[in-house]
Amino acid sequence: MLDQVGELIREVAATIVLPRWRHLSTDEIVQKAPGDLVTIADKESEAALTRGLTALLPGSIVVGEEAVAADPKVLERVGEPGAVWIVDPVDGTNNFAAGKTPFAVMVALLRDGEPAASWILDVVGDHLTVAEAGSGAYHDGVRVKTRTDDPGAGAVRGVVATHYLPAGLREIASANAGALGEVTRGRHCAGYEYPAVALDEQQFALFWRILPWDHVPGSLIVREAGGTVLHLDGSPYRPTDSERGVLVAANDDIWRTVRDTIFPDISVLQR
């Protein structure tokens, strides 16, 4: 099924998403929340993926970003027993709508609430990163593994996405992040940030808002590559979680170095 889903994602990207890139009219871009856009490509991509995925796995259900936007109760289905697909039809929609990269199409399969497989397609680059629980992570068919060393706080590169952090934590993170080697605010596309950790283009990424379509696909890829994905307090990240943020890192040692550098007093994370 890994190959079949990958082929479906590539087909949807090639026939629906990519033809709309840099060719959207103003009436094909809508602001569904302040700073949060949706385009006709998001809606058509999700509809096509929903049809294709449920055909591949009869009896499965789909929790897609746009379905949840239309009916928030759909989000409650993430933890249901059986097969549940998580779909982000265009991740990085703001980039896509602005005619920029990166943007991606992301899918994950949950079985009885546990991630079983995931797929992230870099649409413009046509790079596909996949993972299967217990079988590793692969980028364009080549197995990838995260780095195993910890070069120290002053030598790591990554993302601290402060926008959604609560004000108190944002102030602490902003004050302490400078002790890390190189910190960015990210590329506004989880479909880029997670594979970048698996491929050692960066060593960590910190997020606060953790909606499942943004984080379930990439979290499985990073873990299967040997990396670490935990809440900031060190507790396990679950697909049904939506609070407390996550810190993604290439390995346990880098995770702790980054967390303890940004939040040296971890009691602030438990308030």
C-alpha atoms as a PDB file:
ATOM      1  CA  MET A   1       0.000   0.000   0.000  1.00  0.00           C
ATOM      2  CA  LEU A   2       2.952   2.349   0.504  1.00  0.00           C
ATOM      3  CA  ASP A   3       3.501   2.540  -3.249  1.00  0.00           C
ATOM      4  CA  GLN A   4      -0.194   2.811  -4.092  1.00  0.00           C
ATOM      5  CA  VAL A   5      -0.733   5.757  -1.742  1.00  0.00           C
ATOM      6  CA  GLY A   6       2.436   7.391  -2.997  1.00  0.00           C
ATOM      7  CA  GLU A   7       1.187   7.090  -6.578  1.00  0.00           C
ATOM      8  CA  LEU A   8      -2.196   8.535  -5.604  1.00  0.00           C
ATOM      9  CA  ILE A   9      -0.585  11.510  -3.877  1.00  0.00           C
ATOM     10  CA  ARG A  10       1.662  12.181  -6.867  1.00  0.00           C
ATOM     11  CA  GLU A  11      -1.320  11.988  -9.242  1.00  0.00           C
ATOM     12  CA  VAL A  12      -3.361  14.433  -7.172  1.00  0.00           C
ATOM     13  CA  ALA A  13      -0.405  16.781  -6.868  1.00  0.00           C
ATOM     14  CA  ALA A  14       0.298  16.669 -10.603  1.00  0.00           C
ATOM     15  CA  THR A  15      -3.289  17.062 -11.787  1.00  0.00           C
ATOM     16  CA  ILE A  16      -4.839  19.312  -9.142  1.00  0.00           C
ATOM     17  CA  VAL A  17      -2.262  21.098  -6.989  1.00  0.00           C
ATOM     18  CA  LEU A  18       0.656  21.967  -9.248  1.00  0.00           C
ATOM     19  CA  PRO A  19      -1.473  23.308 -12.150  1.00  0.00           C
ATOM     20  CA  ARG A  20      -2.996  25.852  -9.730  1.00  0.00           C
ATOM     21  CA  TRP A  21       0.343  27.068  -8.383  1.00  0.00           C
ATOM     22  CA  ARG A  22       0.897  30.654  -9.526  1.00  0.00           C
ATOM     23  CA  HIS A  23      -2.365  30.441 -11.488  1.00  0.00           C
ATOM     24  CA  LEU A  24      -4.926  31.135  -8.758  1.00  0.00           C
ATOM     25  CA  SER A  25      -7.485  33.893  -9.264  1.00  0.00           C
ATOM     26  CA  THR A  26      -8.385  36.080  -6.302  1.00  0.00           C
ATOM     27  CA  ASP A  27     -11.759  34.379  -5.887  1.00  0.00           C
ATOM     28  CA  GLU A  28      -9.986  31.013  -5.534  1.00  0.00           C
ATOM     29  CA  ILE A  29      -8.242  32.105  -2.313  1.00  0.00           C
ATOM     30  CA  VAL A  30     -10.286  32.520   0.872  1.00  0.00           C
ATOM     31  CA  GLN A  31      -9.264  33.466   4.401  1.00  0.00           C
ATOM     32  CA  LYS A  32     -10.926  30.917   6.653  1.00  0.00           C
ATOM     33  CA  ALA A  33      -9.353  32.454   9.784  1.00  0.00           C
ATOM     34  CA  PRO A  34      -7.060  35.440  10.345  1.00  0.00           C
ATOM     35  CA  GLY A  35      -3.817  34.625   8.546  1.00  0.00           C
ATOM     36  CA  ASP A  36      -5.066  31.152   7.547  1.00  0.00           C
ATOM     37  CA  LEU A  37      -5.863  30.704   3.852  1.00  0.00           C
ATOM     38  CA  VAL A  38      -7.611  27.999   1.887  1.00  0.00           C
ATOM     39  CA  THR A  39      -7.615  27.688  -1.892  1.00  0.00           C
ATOM     40  CA  ILE A  40      -9.602  25.781  -4.457  1.00  0.00           C
ATOM     41  CA  ALA A  41      -6.590  23.449  -4.748  1.00  0.00           C
ATOM     42  CA  ASP A  42      -6.864  22.523  -1.040  1.00  0.00           C
ATOM     43  CA  LYS A  43     -10.526  21.606  -1.433  1.00  0.00           C
ATOM     44  CA  GLU A  44     -10.166  19.709  -4.702  1.00  0.00           C
ATOM     45  CA  SER A  45      -7.046  17.894  -3.510  1.00  0.00           C
ATOM     46  CA  GLU A  46      -8.751  16.746  -0.307  1.00  0.00           C
ATOM     47  CA  ALA A  47     -11.803  15.533  -2.216  1.00  0.00           C
ATOM     48  CA  ALA A  48      -9.657  13.526  -4.651  1.00  0.00           C
ATOM     49  CA  LEU A  49      -7.491  12.062  -1.883  1.00  0.00           C
ATOM     50  CA  THR A  50     -10.570  11.118   0.127  1.00  0.00           C
ATOM     51  CA  ARG A  51     -12.036   9.223  -2.825  1.00  0.00           C
ATOM     52  CA  GLY A  52      -8.758   7.505  -3.606  1.00  0.00           C
ATOM     53  CA  LEU A  53      -7.778   6.555  -0.075  1.00  0.00           C
ATOM     54  CA  THR A  54     -11.161   5.106   0.866  1.00  0.00           C
ATOM     55  CA  ALA A  55     -11.136   3.114  -2.376  1.00  0.00           C
ATOM     56  CA  LEU A  56      -7.731   1.679  -1.478  1.00  0.00           C
ATOM     57  CA  LEU A  57      -8.920   0.772   1.998  1.00  0.00           C
ATOM     58  CA  PRO A  58     -12.699   0.151   2.074  1.00  0.00           C
ATOM     59  CA  GLY A  59     -14.287   0.946   5.407  1.00  0.00           C
ATOM     60  CA  SER A  60     -11.639   3.494   6.327  1.00  0.00           C
ATOM     61  CA  ILE A  61     -12.477   7.076   7.219  1.00  0.00           C
ATOM     62  CA  VAL A  62     -10.704  10.325   6.375  1.00  0.00           C
ATOM     63  CA  VAL A  63      -9.979  13.248   8.679  1.00  0.00           C
ATOM     64  CA  GLY A  64      -8.919  16.080   6.408  1.00  0.00           C
ATOM     65  CA  GLU A  65      -8.020  19.645   7.259  1.00  0.00           C
ATOM     66  CA  GLU A  66     -10.802  21.122   5.146  1.00  0.00           C
ATOM     67  CA  ALA A  67     -13.410  18.639   6.385  1.00  0.00           C
ATOM     68  CA  VAL A  68     -12.587  19.725   9.938  1.00  0.00           C
ATOM     69  CA  ALA A  69     -12.777  23.394   8.898  1.00  0.00           C
ATOM     70  CA  ALA A  70     -16.314  22.710   7.630  1.00  0.00           C
ATOM     71  CA  ASP A  71     -17.311  20.580  10.645  1.00  0.00           C
ATOM     72  CA  PRO A  72     -15.033  20.666  13.724  1.00  0.00           C
ATOM     73  CA  LYS A  73     -16.620  17.459  15.052  1.00  0.00           C
ATOM     74  CA  VAL A  74     -14.778  15.513  12.339  1.00  0.00           C
ATOM     75  CA  LEU A  75     -11.595  16.047  14.374  1.00  0.00           C
ATOM     76  CA  GLU A  76     -12.992  13.741  17.078  1.00  0.00           C
ATOM     77  CA  ARG A  77     -12.667  10.811  14.661  1.00  0.00           C
ATOM     78  CA  VAL A  78      -8.851  10.850  14.846  1.00  0.00           C
ATOM     79  CA  GLY A  79      -8.880   8.497  17.830  1.00  0.00           C
ATOM     80  CA  GLU A  80     -11.509   6.075  16.521  1.00  0.00           C
ATOM     81  CA  PRO A  81     -10.725   2.350  16.177  1.00  0.00           C
ATOM     82  CA  GLY A  82      -9.965   0.925  12.778  1.00  0.00           C
ATOM     83  CA  ALA A  83      -8.294   2.662   9.853  1.00  0.00           C
ATOM     84  CA  VAL A  84      -8.258   6.471   9.840  1.00  0.00           C
ATOM     85  CA  TRP A  85      -6.514   8.561   7.190  1.00  0.00           C
ATOM     86  CA  ILE A  86      -5.145  11.980   8.170  1.00  0.00           C
ATOM     87  CA  VAL A  87      -4.941  14.322   5.170  1.00  0.00           C
ATOM     88  CA  ASP A  88      -3.338  17.704   4.619  1.00  0.00           C
ATOM     89  CA  PRO A  89      -4.265  18.403   0.993  1.00  0.00           C
ATOM     90  CA  VAL A  90      -1.873  21.363   0.658  1.00  0.00           C
ATOM     91  CA  ASP A  91       0.470  21.941   3.564  1.00  0.00           C
ATOM     92  CA  GLY A  92       1.952  25.427   3.435  1.00  0.00           C
ATOM     93  CA  THR A  93      -1.134  26.933   1.821  1.00  0.00           C
ATOM     94  CA  ASN A  94       0.003  30.499   2.487  1.00  0.00           C
ATOM     95  CA  ASN A  95       3.214  29.790   0.562  1.00  0.00           C
ATOM     96  CA  PHE A  96       1.239  28.089  -2.206  1.00  0.00           C
ATOM     97  CA  ALA A  97      -1.209  30.974  -2.510  1.00  0.00           C
ATOM     98  CA  ALA A  98       1.670  33.467  -2.667  1.00  0.00           C
ATOM     99  CA  GLY A  99       3.344  31.506  -5.463  1.00  0.00           C
ATOM    100  CA  LYS A 100       6.223  30.480  -3.196  1.00  0.00           C
ATOM    101  CA  THR A 101       7.691  27.244  -1.890  1.00  0.00           C
ATOM    102  CA  PRO A 102       7.771  25.062   0.103  1.00  0.00           C
ATOM    103  CA  PHE A 103       4.396  23.373   0.104  1.00  0.00           C
ATOM    104  CA  ALA A 104       3.517  19.715   0.311  1.00  0.00           C
ATOM    105  CA  VAL A 105       0.786  17.102   0.277  1.00  0.00           C
ATOM    106  CA  MET A 106       0.736  14.959   3.424  1.00  0.00           C
ATOM    107  CA  VAL A 107      -1.106  11.778   4.378  1.00  0.00           C
ATOM    108  CA  ALA A 108      -0.898   9.471   7.383  1.00  0.00           C
ATOM    109  CA  LEU A 109      -2.664   6.224   8.194  1.00  0.00           C
ATOM    110  CA  LEU A 110      -3.705   5.465  11.758  1.00  0.00           C
ATOM    111  CA  ARG A 111      -4.736   1.990  12.840  1.00  0.00           C
ATOM    112  CA  ASP A 112      -6.631   1.950  16.129  1.00  0.00           C
ATOM    113  CA  GLY A 113      -5.207   5.378  16.924  1.00  0.00           C
ATOM    114  CA  GLU A 114      -1.564   4.486  16.257  1.00  0.00           C
ATOM    115  CA  PRO A 115       0.426   5.826  13.279  1.00  0.00           C
ATOM    116  CA  ALA A 116       1.015   2.985  10.814  1.00  0.00           C
ATOM    117  CA  ALA A 117       2.371   4.817   7.769  1.00  0.00           C
ATOM    118  CA  SER A 118       2.881   8.311   6.409  1.00  0.00           C
ATOM    119  CA  TRP A 119       3.711  10.111   3.188  1.00  0.00           C
ATOM    120  CA  ILE A 120       4.982  13.649   2.512  1.00  0.00           C
ATOM    121  CA  LEU A 121       5.349  14.867  -1.069  1.00  0.00           C
ATOM    122  CA  ASP A 122       7.352  17.990  -1.846  1.00  0.00           C
ATOM    123  CA  VAL A 123       5.160  18.941  -4.793  1.00  0.00           C
ATOM    124  CA  VAL A 124       7.509  21.199  -6.762  1.00  0.00           C
ATOM    125  CA  GLY A 125      10.626  19.120  -6.140  1.00  0.00           C
ATOM    126  CA  ASP A 126       8.693  15.838  -6.547  1.00  0.00           C
ATOM    127  CA  HIS A 127      10.486  14.367  -3.531  1.00  0.00           C
ATOM    128  CA  LEU A 128       8.511  11.736  -1.615  1.00  0.00           C
ATOM    129  CA  THR A 129       9.357  10.871   1.995  1.00  0.00           C
ATOM    130  CA  VAL A 130       7.547   7.882   3.495  1.00  0.00           C
ATOM    131  CA  ALA A 131       7.586   5.861   6.683  1.00  0.00           C
ATOM    132  CA  GLU A 132       6.031   2.640   7.894  1.00  0.00           C
ATOM    133  CA  ALA A 133       5.853   1.830  11.583  1.00  0.00           C
ATOM    134  CA  GLY A 134       8.661  -0.556  12.439  1.00  0.00           C
ATOM    135  CA  SER A 135      10.139  -0.490   8.933  1.00  0.00           C
ATOM    136  CA  GLY A 136      12.012   2.805   8.767  1.00  0.00           C
ATOM    137  CA  ALA A 137      11.785   6.041   6.790  1.00  0.00           C
ATOM    138  CA  TYR A 138      12.673   6.548   3.139  1.00  0.00           C
ATOM    139  CA  HIS A 139      13.347   9.621   1.007  1.00  0.00           C
ATOM    140  CA  ASP A 140      12.914   9.005  -2.728  1.00  0.00           C
ATOM    141  CA  GLY A 141      13.292   5.288  -2.037  1.00  0.00           C
ATOM    142  CA  VAL A 142      16.509   5.581  -0.027  1.00  0.00           C
ATOM    143  CA  ARG A 143      16.415   4.786   3.673  1.00  0.00           C
ATOM    144  CA  VAL A 144      17.249   7.763   5.866  1.00  0.00           C
ATOM    145  CA  LYS A 145      18.484   7.902   9.439  1.00  0.00           C
ATOM    146  CA  THR A 146      18.928  10.903  11.662  1.00  0.00           C
ATOM    147  CA  ARG A 147      22.324  11.840  13.033  1.00  0.00           C
ATOM    148  CA  THR A 148      23.312  10.114  16.259  1.00  0.00           C
ATOM    149  CA  ASP A 149      25.684  12.672  17.789  1.00  0.00           C
ATOM    150  CA  ASP A 150      24.958  15.871  19.719  1.00  0.00           C
ATOM    151  CA  PRO A 151      27.223  18.695  18.515  1.00  0.00           C
ATOM    152  CA  GLY A 152      26.115  20.930  21.393  1.00  0.00           C
ATOM    153  CA  ALA A 153      23.760  23.861  21.694  1.00  0.00           C
ATOM    154  CA  GLY A 154      26.003  26.277  19.825  1.00  0.00           C
ATOM    155  CA  ALA A 155      26.232  24.047  16.756  1.00  0.00           C
ATOM    156  CA  VAL A 156      22.647  22.969  16.104  1.00  0.00           C
ATOM    157  CA  ARG A 157      20.301  24.524  13.566  1.00  0.00           C
ATOM    158  CA  GLY A 158      16.528  24.505  13.661  1.00  0.00           C
ATOM    159  CA  VAL A 159      13.156  26.144  14.041  1.00  0.00           C
ATOM    160  CA  VAL A 160      11.548  27.860  16.993  1.00  0.00           C
ATOM    161  CA  ALA A 161       8.041  28.698  15.828  1.00  0.00           C
ATOM    162  CA  THR A 162       7.092  31.314  18.421  1.00  0.00           C
ATOM    163  CA  HIS A 163       3.912  32.644  16.783  1.00  0.00           C
ATOM    164  CA  TYR A 164       1.486  30.357  18.622  1.00  0.00           C
ATOM    165  CA  LEU A 165       3.430  30.051  21.888  1.00  0.00           C
ATOM    166  CA  PRO A 166       1.652  31.494  24.941  1.00  0.00           C
ATOM    167  CA  ALA A 167       3.016  34.947  25.715  1.00  0.00           C
ATOM    168  CA  GLY A 168       5.053  33.864  28.745  1.00  0.00           C
ATOM    169  CA  LEU A 169       6.705  30.961  26.955  1.00  0.00           C
ATOM    170  CA  ARG A 170       7.274  33.103  23.875  1.00  0.00           C
ATOM    171  CA  GLU A 171       9.259  35.614  25.917  1.00  0.00           C
ATOM    172  CA  ILE A 172      11.386  32.876  27.468  1.00  0.00           C
ATOM    173  CA  ALA A 173      12.000  31.152  24.138  1.00  0.00           C
ATOM    174  CA  SER A 174      12.910  34.397  22.395  1.00  0.00           C
ATOM    175  CA  ALA A 175      15.344  35.304  25.163  1.00  0.00           C
ATOM    176  CA  ASN A 176      17.119  31.927  25.215  1.00  0.00           C
ATOM    177  CA  ALA A 177      17.060  30.752  21.597  1.00  0.00           C
ATOM    178  CA  GLY A 178      20.100  32.870  20.775  1.00  0.00           C
ATOM    179  CA  ALA A 179      22.262  30.368  22.653  1.00  0.00           C
ATOM    180  CA  LEU A 180      21.564  27.841  19.915  1.00  0.00           C
ATOM    181  CA  GLY A 181      23.706  27.783  16.803  1.00  0.00           C
ATOM    182  CA  GLU A 182      21.150  28.959  14.233  1.00  0.00           C
ATOM    183  CA  VAL A 183      17.454  29.536  14.827  1.00  0.00           C
ATOM    184  CA  THR A 184      14.826  30.352  12.219  1.00  0.00           C
ATOM    185  CA  ARG A 185      11.078  30.869  12.399  1.00  0.00           C
ATOM    186  CA  GLY A 186      10.626  28.074   9.901  1.00  0.00           C
ATOM    187  CA  ARG A 187       9.364  27.858   6.345  1.00  0.00           C
ATOM    188  CA  HIS A 188       5.656  27.795   7.322  1.00  0.00           C
ATOM    189  CA  CYS A 189       5.348  24.230   6.075  1.00  0.00           C
ATOM    190  CA  ALA A 190       5.528  21.225   8.392  1.00  0.00           C
ATOM    191  CA  GLY A 191       5.906  19.115   5.272  1.00  0.00           C
ATOM    192  CA  TYR A 192       9.321  20.705   4.873  1.00  0.00           C
ATOM    193  CA  GLU A 193      10.395  20.929   8.525  1.00  0.00           C
ATOM    194  CA  TYR A 194       9.980  17.269   9.481  1.00  0.00           C
ATOM    195  CA  PRO A 195      11.847  15.731   6.524  1.00  0.00           C
ATOM    196  CA  ALA A 196      14.547  18.371   7.025  1.00  0.00           C
ATOM    197  CA  VAL A 197      15.231  16.897  10.476  1.00  0.00           C
ATOM    198  CA  ALA A 198      15.293  13.351   9.097  1.00  0.00           C
ATOM    199  CA  LEU A 199      17.732  14.462   6.376  1.00  0.00           C
ATOM    200  CA  ASP A 200      19.929  16.498   8.771  1.00  0.00           C
ATOM    201  CA  GLU A 201      19.251  19.770   6.967  1.00  0.00           C
ATOM    202  CA  GLN A 202      18.326  20.942  10.459  1.00  0.00           C
ATOM    203  CA  GLN A 203      18.510  19.217  13.815  1.00  0.00           C
ATOM    204  CA  PHE A 204      15.349  20.357  15.585  1.00  0.00           C
ATOM    205  CA  ALA A 205      11.984  22.074  15.261  1.00  0.00           C
ATOM    206  CA  LEU A 206       9.762  23.430  18.019  1.00  0.00           C
ATOM    207  CA  PHE A 207       6.029  23.892  17.404  1.00  0.00           C
ATOM    208  CA  TRP A 208       3.152  24.871  19.666  1.00  0.00           C
ATOM    209  CA  ARG A 209       0.013  24.422  17.557  1.00  0.00           C
ATOM    210  CA  ILE A 210      -0.095  20.698  16.748  1.00  0.00           C
ATOM    211  CA  LEU A 211      -3.089  19.883  14.575  1.00  0.00           C
ATOM    212  CA  PRO A 212      -2.920  16.241  13.426  1.00  0.00           C
ATOM    213  CA  TRP A 213      -2.649  16.853   9.678  1.00  0.00           C
ATOM    214  CA  ASP A 214       0.396  19.051  10.293  1.00  0.00           C
ATOM    215  CA  HIS A 215       2.233  16.735  12.677  1.00  0.00           C
ATOM    216  CA  VAL A 216       1.146  13.090  12.493  1.00  0.00           C
ATOM    217  CA  PRO A 217       2.754  12.403   9.076  1.00  0.00           C
ATOM    218  CA  GLY A 218       6.081  14.027   9.877  1.00  0.00           C
ATOM    219  CA  SER A 219       6.323  12.729  13.424  1.00  0.00           C
ATOM    220  CA  LEU A 220       6.249   9.125  12.229  1.00  0.00           C
ATOM    221  CA  ILE A 221       8.898   9.876   9.600  1.00  0.00           C
ATOM    222  CA  VAL A 222      11.247  11.428  12.153  1.00  0.00           C
ATOM    223  CA  ARG A 223      10.731   8.647  14.689  1.00  0.00           C
ATOM    224  CA  GLU A 224      11.243   5.915  12.085  1.00  0.00           C
ATOM    225  CA  ALA A 225      14.437   7.685  10.997  1.00  0.00           C
ATOM    226  CA  GLY A 226      15.704   7.486  14.586  1.00  0.00           C
ATOM    227  CA  GLY A 227      14.636  10.901  15.842  1.00  0.00           C
ATOM    228  CA  THR A 228      12.632  12.091  18.821  1.00  0.00           C
ATOM    229  CA  VAL A 229       9.200  13.753  18.955  1.00  0.00           C
ATOM    230  CA  LEU A 230       7.967  14.659  22.438  1.00  0.00           C
ATOM    231  CA  HIS A 231       5.939  17.312  24.156  1.00  0.00           C
ATOM    232  CA  LEU A 232       8.059  20.023  25.722  1.00  0.00           C
ATOM    233  CA  ASP A 233       7.594  18.441  29.152  1.00  0.00           C
ATOM    234  CA  GLY A 234       9.035  15.177  27.822  1.00  0.00           C
ATOM    235  CA  SER A 235       5.762  13.275  27.607  1.00  0.00           C
ATOM    236  CA  PRO A 236       4.894  11.251  24.495  1.00  0.00           C
ATOM    237  CA  TYR A 237       3.175  12.939  21.566  1.00  0.00           C
ATOM    238  CA  ARG A 238      -0.069  11.278  20.469  1.00  0.00           C
ATOM    239  CA  PRO A 239      -2.121  11.898  17.289  1.00  0.00           C
ATOM    240  CA  THR A 240      -5.089  13.040  19.372  1.00  0.00           C
ATOM    241  CA  ASP A 241      -3.042  15.681  21.213  1.00  0.00           C
ATOM    242  CA  SER A 242      -3.621  19.327  20.325  1.00  0.00           C
ATOM    243  CA  GLU A 243      -1.900  21.154  23.181  1.00  0.00           C
ATOM    244  CA  ARG A 244       1.499  21.523  24.916  1.00  0.00           C
ATOM    245  CA  GLY A 245       3.423  21.739  21.658  1.00  0.00           C
ATOM    246  CA  VAL A 246       6.101  19.368  20.412  1.00  0.00           C
ATOM    247  CA  LEU A 247       9.858  19.477  20.096  1.00  0.00           C
ATOM    248  CA  VAL A 248      11.223  17.442  17.205  1.00  0.00           C
ATOM    249  CA  ALA A 249      14.909  16.524  17.208  1.00  0.00           C
ATOM    250  CA  ALA A 250      17.356  14.256  15.427  1.00  0.00           C
ATOM    251  CA  ASN A 251      17.960  12.214  18.597  1.00  0.00           C
ATOM    252  CA  ASP A 252      17.294  12.154  22.330  1.00  0.00           C
ATOM    253  CA  ASP A 253      20.479  14.025  23.234  1.00  0.00           C
ATOM    254  CA  ILE A 254      19.815  16.905  20.837  1.00  0.00           C
ATOM    255  CA  TRP A 255      16.202  17.004  22.037  1.00  0.00           C
ATOM    256  CA  ARG A 256      17.307  17.513  25.631  1.00  0.00           C
ATOM    257  CA  THR A 257      20.035  20.013  24.710  1.00  0.00           C
ATOM    258  CA  VAL A 258      17.570  22.165  22.778  1.00  0.00           C
ATOM    259  CA  ARG A 259      14.758  21.889  25.324  1.00  0.00           C
ATOM    260  CA  ASP A 260      17.045  22.706  28.266  1.00  0.00           C
ATOM    261  CA  THR A 261      18.618  25.621  26.401  1.00  0.00           C
ATOM    262  CA  ILE A 262      15.307  27.215  25.496  1.00  0.00           C
ATOM    263  CA  PHE A 263      13.531  26.328  28.742  1.00  0.00           C
ATOM    264  CA  PRO A 264      16.216  25.851  31.432  1.00  0.00           C
ATOM    265  CA  ASP A 265      13.493  26.011  34.097  1.00  0.00           C
ATOM    266  CA  ILE A 266      11.127  23.290  32.942  1.00  0.00           C
ATOM    267  CA  SER A 267       8.619  24.146  35.669  1.00  0.00           C
ATOM    268  CA  VAL A 268       7.340  26.907  33.362  1.00  0.00           C
ATOM    269  CA  LEU A 269       6.084  24.169  31.038  1.00  0.00           C
ATOM    270  CA  GLN A 270       3.933  22.596  33.732  1.00  0.00           C
ATOM    271  CA  ARG A 271       1.942  25.649  34.759  1.00  0.00           C
END
